[in-house]
């Protein structure tokens, strides 16, 4: 099974209830490098994540919380995950461009 960014995002949402999450498949940029698969996807990912579960933890502990639920994907061919832990964001402080547009009443 080849992992996708959406598969990874679903696993992380279920495990960490993130307030922010972005998963990027950067495999194409690593073609020909160690760990690259035959397809230009599914081996190298970047995860940008904020979660209340990270509060008070060291960077190593935060990264373990990200890696642990992804362990099965790693054993199935994910070669690299670059993790960027973002500062927590309160929903009220989220920029309007990232919020869902208000519903319009007719």
C-alpha atoms as a PDB file:
ATOM      1  CA  UNK A   1       0.000   0.000   0.000  1.00  0.00           C
ATOM      2  CA  UNK A   2       1.364   3.406  -0.957  1.00  0.00           C
ATOM      3  CA  UNK A   3       0.687   6.088   1.630  1.00  0.00           C
ATOM      4  CA  UNK A   4      -0.954   9.332   0.599  1.00  0.00           C
ATOM      5  CA  UNK A   5      -0.926  12.710   2.307  1.00  0.00           C
ATOM      6  CA  UNK A   6      -4.655  12.336   2.978  1.00  0.00           C
ATOM      7  CA  UNK A   7      -4.159   8.892   4.580  1.00  0.00           C
ATOM      8  CA  UNK A   8      -1.522  10.374   6.857  1.00  0.00           C
ATOM      9  CA  UNK A   9      -3.713  13.378   7.695  1.00  0.00           C
ATOM     10  CA  UNK A  10      -6.625  11.095   8.655  1.00  0.00           C
ATOM     11  CA  UNK A  11      -4.442   9.073  11.014  1.00  0.00           C
ATOM     12  CA  UNK A  12      -3.035  12.205  12.647  1.00  0.00           C
ATOM     13  CA  UNK A  13      -6.484  13.805  13.015  1.00  0.00           C
ATOM     14  CA  UNK A  14      -7.785  10.709  14.790  1.00  0.00           C
ATOM     15  CA  UNK A  15      -4.756  10.384  17.075  1.00  0.00           C
ATOM     16  CA  UNK A  16      -3.928  13.993  17.955  1.00  0.00           C
ATOM     17  CA  UNK A  17      -7.020  16.153  17.295  1.00  0.00           C
ATOM     18  CA  UNK A  18      -4.842  18.886  15.788  1.00  0.00           C
ATOM     19  CA  UNK A  19      -5.906  22.518  15.689  1.00  0.00           C
ATOM     20  CA  UNK A  20      -3.790  22.913  12.542  1.00  0.00           C
ATOM     21  CA  UNK A  21      -2.612  20.230  10.151  1.00  0.00           C
ATOM     22  CA  UNK A  22      -0.941  20.222   6.763  1.00  0.00           C
ATOM     23  CA  UNK A  23       0.564  17.092   5.224  1.00  0.00           C
ATOM     24  CA  UNK A  24       2.615  17.486   2.055  1.00  0.00           C
ATOM     25  CA  UNK A  25       3.927  14.670  -0.114  1.00  0.00           C
ATOM     26  CA  UNK A  26       7.437  15.788  -1.102  1.00  0.00           C
ATOM     27  CA  UNK A  27       8.434  12.462  -2.659  1.00  0.00           C
ATOM     28  CA  UNK A  28       8.915  13.850  -6.171  1.00  0.00           C
ATOM     29  CA  UNK A  29      11.681  16.140  -4.885  1.00  0.00           C
ATOM     30  CA  UNK A  30      13.564  13.069  -3.618  1.00  0.00           C
ATOM     31  CA  UNK A  31      13.462  10.940  -6.779  1.00  0.00           C
ATOM     32  CA  UNK A  32      16.705   8.999  -7.108  1.00  0.00           C
ATOM     33  CA  UNK A  33      17.624   9.455  -3.428  1.00  0.00           C
ATOM     34  CA  UNK A  34      17.854   6.690  -0.868  1.00  0.00           C
ATOM     35  CA  UNK A  35      14.403   5.536   0.182  1.00  0.00           C
ATOM     36  CA  UNK A  36      12.666   6.915  -2.902  1.00  0.00           C
ATOM     37  CA  UNK A  37      10.189   4.490  -4.401  1.00  0.00           C
ATOM     38  CA  UNK A  38       9.528   3.749  -8.068  1.00  0.00           C
ATOM     39  CA  UNK A  39       6.614   6.230  -8.056  1.00  0.00           C
ATOM     40  CA  UNK A  40       7.134   9.951  -7.408  1.00  0.00           C
ATOM     41  CA  UNK A  41       4.855   9.805  -4.353  1.00  0.00           C
ATOM     42  CA  UNK A  42       4.320   8.044  -1.046  1.00  0.00           C
ATOM     43  CA  UNK A  43       7.817   8.000   0.493  1.00  0.00           C
ATOM     44  CA  UNK A  44       8.751  11.494   1.756  1.00  0.00           C
ATOM     45  CA  UNK A  45       6.321  13.718   3.663  1.00  0.00           C
ATOM     46  CA  UNK A  46       6.281  17.008   5.541  1.00  0.00           C
ATOM     47  CA  UNK A  47       3.838  17.362   8.448  1.00  0.00           C
ATOM     48  CA  UNK A  48       2.999  20.779   9.894  1.00  0.00           C
ATOM     49  CA  UNK A  49       0.897  20.292  13.002  1.00  0.00           C
ATOM     50  CA  UNK A  50      -0.384  21.989  16.150  1.00  0.00           C
ATOM     51  CA  UNK A  51      -2.133  20.028  18.878  1.00  0.00           C
ATOM     52  CA  UNK A  52      -3.052  20.685  22.498  1.00  0.00           C
ATOM     53  CA  UNK A  53      -1.439  17.322  23.255  1.00  0.00           C
ATOM     54  CA  UNK A  54       1.987  18.895  22.610  1.00  0.00           C
ATOM     55  CA  UNK A  55       1.665  21.384  25.479  1.00  0.00           C
ATOM     56  CA  UNK A  56       4.550  21.121  27.923  1.00  0.00           C
ATOM     57  CA  UNK A  57       6.354  18.377  25.979  1.00  0.00           C
ATOM     58  CA  UNK A  58       9.900  18.476  24.641  1.00  0.00           C
ATOM     59  CA  UNK A  59      10.412  18.544  20.884  1.00  0.00           C
ATOM     60  CA  UNK A  60      11.440  14.877  20.978  1.00  0.00           C
ATOM     61  CA  UNK A  61       8.261  13.912  22.841  1.00  0.00           C
ATOM     62  CA  UNK A  62       6.134  15.954  20.408  1.00  0.00           C
ATOM     63  CA  UNK A  63       7.729  14.183  17.438  1.00  0.00           C
ATOM     64  CA  UNK A  64       7.146  10.790  19.063  1.00  0.00           C
ATOM     65  CA  UNK A  65       3.450  11.632  19.338  1.00  0.00           C
ATOM     66  CA  UNK A  66       3.448  12.234  15.570  1.00  0.00           C
ATOM     67  CA  UNK A  67       5.540   9.187  14.634  1.00  0.00           C
ATOM     68  CA  UNK A  68       3.737   6.659  16.844  1.00  0.00           C
ATOM     69  CA  UNK A  69       0.355   6.634  15.024  1.00  0.00           C
ATOM     70  CA  UNK A  70       2.210   6.583  11.675  1.00  0.00           C
ATOM     71  CA  UNK A  71       4.293   3.516  12.553  1.00  0.00           C
ATOM     72  CA  UNK A  72       2.328   1.205  10.243  1.00  0.00           C
ATOM     73  CA  UNK A  73       2.821   3.581   7.298  1.00  0.00           C
ATOM     74  CA  UNK A  74       6.539   3.729   8.045  1.00  0.00           C
ATOM     75  CA  UNK A  75       6.825  -0.059   7.978  1.00  0.00           C
ATOM     76  CA  UNK A  76       4.933  -0.073   4.658  1.00  0.00           C
ATOM     77  CA  UNK A  77       7.301   2.233   2.790  1.00  0.00           C
ATOM     78  CA  UNK A  78       7.196   5.782   4.132  1.00  0.00           C
ATOM     79  CA  UNK A  79      10.890   6.641   4.247  1.00  0.00           C
ATOM     80  CA  UNK A  80      10.989  10.156   5.707  1.00  0.00           C
ATOM     81  CA  UNK A  81       8.700  12.491   7.637  1.00  0.00           C
ATOM     82  CA  UNK A  82       9.804  16.057   8.294  1.00  0.00           C
ATOM     83  CA  UNK A  83       7.825  17.346  11.274  1.00  0.00           C
ATOM     84  CA  UNK A  84       7.159  21.003  11.993  1.00  0.00           C
ATOM     85  CA  UNK A  85       5.348  21.493  15.292  1.00  0.00           C
ATOM     86  CA  UNK A  86       3.425  24.751  15.115  1.00  0.00           C
ATOM     87  CA  UNK A  87       2.474  26.918  18.059  1.00  0.00           C
ATOM     88  CA  UNK A  88      -1.063  26.288  19.291  1.00  0.00           C
ATOM     89  CA  UNK A  89      -3.714  28.505  17.766  1.00  0.00           C
ATOM     90  CA  UNK A  90      -6.974  29.290  19.463  1.00  0.00           C
ATOM     91  CA  UNK A  91      -9.863  28.887  16.943  1.00  0.00           C
ATOM     92  CA  UNK A  92     -10.931  32.507  17.525  1.00  0.00           C
ATOM     93  CA  UNK A  93      -7.443  33.655  16.461  1.00  0.00           C
ATOM     94  CA  UNK A  94      -7.485  31.771  13.155  1.00  0.00           C
ATOM     95  CA  UNK A  95      -7.089  34.108  10.185  1.00  0.00           C
ATOM     96  CA  UNK A  96     -10.368  34.621   8.352  1.00  0.00           C
ATOM     97  CA  UNK A  97      -8.829  33.228   5.170  1.00  0.00           C
ATOM     98  CA  UNK A  98      -8.545  29.828   6.868  1.00  0.00           C
ATOM     99  CA  UNK A  99     -12.031  29.789   8.377  1.00  0.00           C
ATOM    100  CA  UNK A 100     -15.061  28.464   6.557  1.00  0.00           C
ATOM    101  CA  UNK A 101     -17.018  31.251   4.867  1.00  0.00           C
ATOM    102  CA  UNK A 102     -20.143  32.342   6.726  1.00  0.00           C
ATOM    103  CA  UNK A 103     -23.372  30.870   5.430  1.00  0.00           C
ATOM    104  CA  UNK A 104     -25.518  33.271   3.453  1.00  0.00           C
ATOM    105  CA  UNK A 105     -29.226  33.460   4.198  1.00  0.00           C
ATOM    106  CA  UNK A 106     -31.534  34.154   1.299  1.00  0.00           C
END
